[in-house]
Amino acid sequence: MELTGFVLEGLLSNSAIWGDYDNNGTLNLFIVGDNYSTNYSWLYNNNGNNTITKITNPILIMV
């Protein structure tokens, strides 16, 4: 999958990882970052058709 036009404006440091959080065989995107005053995290679901959708209320379980 190629992401074009994807900008992380306003972040001074960030990191991203691809993983299959929902176990459906497609890679999803998780991004974290900060601007020295606020921490941010975003989860994007891979729709399987070369598009992603931002998950607005993820339920994440720490293991």
N, C-alpha and C. Protein backbone atom coordinates (compact mmCIF):
# COMPACT_ATOMS: atom_id res chain seq x y z
N MET A 1 0.85 -1.17 0.00
CA MET A 1 0.00 0.00 0.00
C MET A 1 0.90 1.23 0.00
N GLU A 2 0.54 2.19 -0.80
CA GLU A 2 1.27 3.45 -0.84
C GLU A 2 0.35 4.56 -0.37
N LEU A 3 0.85 5.35 0.57
CA LEU A 3 0.09 6.50 1.06
C LEU A 3 0.67 7.75 0.43
N THR A 4 -0.17 8.51 -0.24
CA THR A 4 0.29 9.77 -0.82
C THR A 4 -0.51 10.91 -0.22
N GLY A 5 0.11 12.05 -0.09
CA GLY A 5 -0.58 13.22 0.46
C GLY A 5 -0.86 13.10 1.93
N PHE A 6 -0.16 12.23 2.63
CA PHE A 6 -0.37 11.99 4.05
C PHE A 6 0.62 12.84 4.83
N VAL A 7 0.14 13.83 5.57
CA VAL A 7 1.01 14.80 6.24
C VAL A 7 0.76 14.76 7.75
N LEU A 8 1.84 14.77 8.51
CA LEU A 8 1.75 14.85 9.96
C LEU A 8 2.18 16.24 10.40
N GLU A 9 1.33 17.20 10.15
CA GLU A 9 1.66 18.59 10.45
C GLU A 9 1.66 18.85 11.95
N GLY A 10 2.61 19.66 12.37
CA GLY A 10 2.64 20.11 13.75
C GLY A 10 3.32 19.16 14.72
N LEU A 11 3.77 17.99 14.26
CA LEU A 11 4.45 17.07 15.15
C LEU A 11 5.95 17.29 15.08
N LEU A 12 6.58 17.35 16.24
CA LEU A 12 8.02 17.52 16.29
C LEU A 12 8.75 16.19 16.29
N SER A 13 8.11 15.15 16.78
CA SER A 13 8.65 13.80 16.70
C SER A 13 7.49 12.85 16.47
N ASN A 14 7.72 11.79 15.74
CA ASN A 14 6.65 10.84 15.47
C ASN A 14 7.24 9.50 15.09
N SER A 15 6.38 8.49 15.12
CA SER A 15 6.75 7.13 14.75
C SER A 15 5.51 6.44 14.22
N ALA A 16 5.72 5.49 13.33
CA ALA A 16 4.59 4.76 12.75
C ALA A 16 4.95 3.28 12.67
N ILE A 17 3.94 2.45 12.80
CA ILE A 17 4.14 1.01 12.68
C ILE A 17 2.95 0.41 11.96
N TRP A 18 3.23 -0.55 11.09
CA TRP A 18 2.20 -1.31 10.40
C TRP A 18 2.00 -2.62 11.15
N GLY A 19 0.75 -3.02 11.34
CA GLY A 19 0.43 -4.29 12.00
C GLY A 19 -1.02 -4.64 11.76
N ASP A 20 -1.34 -5.90 11.94
CA ASP A 20 -2.70 -6.39 11.70
C ASP A 20 -3.45 -6.48 13.03
N TYR A 21 -3.88 -5.32 13.55
CA TYR A 21 -4.51 -5.30 14.87
C TYR A 21 -5.85 -6.03 14.91
N ASP A 22 -6.56 -6.09 13.79
CA ASP A 22 -7.89 -6.71 13.80
C ASP A 22 -7.87 -8.13 13.23
N ASN A 23 -6.68 -8.64 12.93
CA ASN A 23 -6.50 -10.04 12.55
C ASN A 23 -7.28 -10.44 11.29
N ASN A 24 -7.38 -9.51 10.31
CA ASN A 24 -8.11 -9.83 9.08
C ASN A 24 -7.18 -10.03 7.88
N GLY A 25 -5.87 -10.04 8.12
CA GLY A 25 -4.92 -10.29 7.05
C GLY A 25 -4.44 -9.05 6.31
N THR A 26 -4.88 -7.86 6.72
CA THR A 26 -4.40 -6.62 6.09
C THR A 26 -3.64 -5.81 7.12
N LEU A 27 -2.63 -5.07 6.66
CA LEU A 27 -1.83 -4.27 7.57
C LEU A 27 -2.49 -2.92 7.84
N ASN A 28 -2.63 -2.59 9.11
CA ASN A 28 -3.19 -1.33 9.56
C ASN A 28 -2.06 -0.43 10.01
N LEU A 29 -2.33 0.86 10.17
CA LEU A 29 -1.31 1.83 10.49
C LEU A 29 -1.58 2.48 11.84
N PHE A 30 -0.56 2.49 12.71
CA PHE A 30 -0.65 3.15 14.01
C PHE A 30 0.45 4.21 14.06
N ILE A 31 0.08 5.45 14.36
CA ILE A 31 1.01 6.57 14.38
C ILE A 31 0.96 7.23 15.76
N VAL A 32 2.12 7.52 16.31
CA VAL A 32 2.21 8.29 17.55
C VAL A 32 3.14 9.47 17.34
N GLY A 33 2.93 10.52 18.09
CA GLY A 33 3.79 11.68 17.96
C GLY A 33 3.51 12.68 19.07
N ASP A 34 4.32 13.72 19.09
CA ASP A 34 4.11 14.79 20.07
C ASP A 34 4.62 16.10 19.52
N ASN A 35 4.20 17.16 20.17
CA ASN A 35 4.70 18.50 19.84
C ASN A 35 5.28 19.15 21.08
N TYR A 36 5.82 18.34 21.98
CA TYR A 36 6.43 18.73 23.26
C TYR A 36 5.44 19.21 24.30
N SER A 37 4.20 19.38 23.96
CA SER A 37 3.21 19.72 24.98
C SER A 37 2.06 18.73 25.01
N THR A 38 1.81 18.03 23.91
CA THR A 38 0.70 17.08 23.81
C THR A 38 1.17 15.83 23.08
N ASN A 39 0.74 14.67 23.57
CA ASN A 39 1.00 13.41 22.88
C ASN A 39 -0.21 13.06 22.03
N TYR A 40 0.05 12.49 20.86
CA TYR A 40 -1.01 12.11 19.94
C TYR A 40 -0.84 10.66 19.52
N SER A 41 -1.95 10.01 19.20
CA SER A 41 -1.90 8.68 18.60
C SER A 41 -3.11 8.52 17.67
N TRP A 42 -2.86 7.90 16.54
CA TRP A 42 -3.91 7.66 15.55
C TRP A 42 -3.83 6.23 15.06
N LEU A 43 -4.98 5.62 14.88
CA LEU A 43 -5.07 4.27 14.34
C LEU A 43 -5.87 4.33 13.05
N TYR A 44 -5.32 3.75 11.99
CA TYR A 44 -5.97 3.72 10.68
C TYR A 44 -6.20 2.28 10.27
N ASN A 45 -7.43 1.98 9.87
CA ASN A 45 -7.79 0.65 9.42
C ASN A 45 -7.58 0.53 7.91
N ASN A 46 -6.95 -0.54 7.50
CA ASN A 46 -6.78 -0.85 6.09
C ASN A 46 -8.09 -1.44 5.57
N ASN A 47 -8.70 -0.78 4.59
CA ASN A 47 -9.98 -1.23 4.05
C ASN A 47 -9.85 -2.36 3.05
N GLY A 48 -8.63 -2.73 2.69
CA GLY A 48 -8.41 -3.82 1.75
C GLY A 48 -8.52 -3.43 0.30
N ASN A 49 -8.73 -2.15 0.01
CA ASN A 49 -8.87 -1.67 -1.37
C ASN A 49 -7.95 -0.48 -1.64
N ASN A 50 -6.78 -0.50 -0.99
CA ASN A 50 -5.78 0.57 -1.10
C ASN A 50 -6.24 1.89 -0.50
N THR A 51 -7.17 1.84 0.45
CA THR A 51 -7.57 3.02 1.21
C THR A 51 -7.51 2.68 2.69
N ILE A 52 -7.39 3.73 3.52
CA ILE A 52 -7.42 3.55 4.96
C ILE A 52 -8.46 4.48 5.57
N THR A 53 -8.99 4.08 6.72
CA THR A 53 -9.98 4.87 7.44
C THR A 53 -9.49 5.10 8.85
N LYS A 54 -9.55 6.35 9.30
CA LYS A 54 -9.14 6.67 10.67
C LYS A 54 -10.15 6.10 11.64
N ILE A 55 -9.66 5.36 12.63
CA ILE A 55 -10.52 4.80 13.67
C ILE A 55 -10.62 5.87 14.76
N THR A 56 -11.83 6.37 14.98
CA THR A 56 -11.99 7.51 15.89
C THR A 56 -12.13 7.10 17.35
N ASN A 57 -12.63 5.91 17.62
CA ASN A 57 -12.79 5.45 19.00
C ASN A 57 -12.26 4.03 19.14
N PRO A 58 -10.93 3.88 19.03
CA PRO A 58 -10.40 2.51 19.10
C PRO A 58 -10.47 1.94 20.50
N ILE A 59 -10.68 0.66 20.58
CA ILE A 59 -10.60 -0.07 21.84
C ILE A 59 -9.33 -0.88 21.74
N LEU A 60 -8.31 -0.43 22.43
CA LEU A 60 -7.00 -1.10 22.38
C LEU A 60 -6.76 -1.80 23.71
N ILE A 61 -6.34 -3.04 23.63
CA ILE A 61 -6.07 -3.84 24.82
C ILE A 61 -4.56 -4.03 24.92
N MET A 62 -4.00 -3.64 26.04
CA MET A 62 -2.57 -3.82 26.25
C MET A 62 -2.30 -5.25 26.66
N VAL A 63 -1.28 -5.84 26.08
CA VAL A 63 -0.90 -7.21 26.45
C VAL A 63 0.52 -7.24 26.95
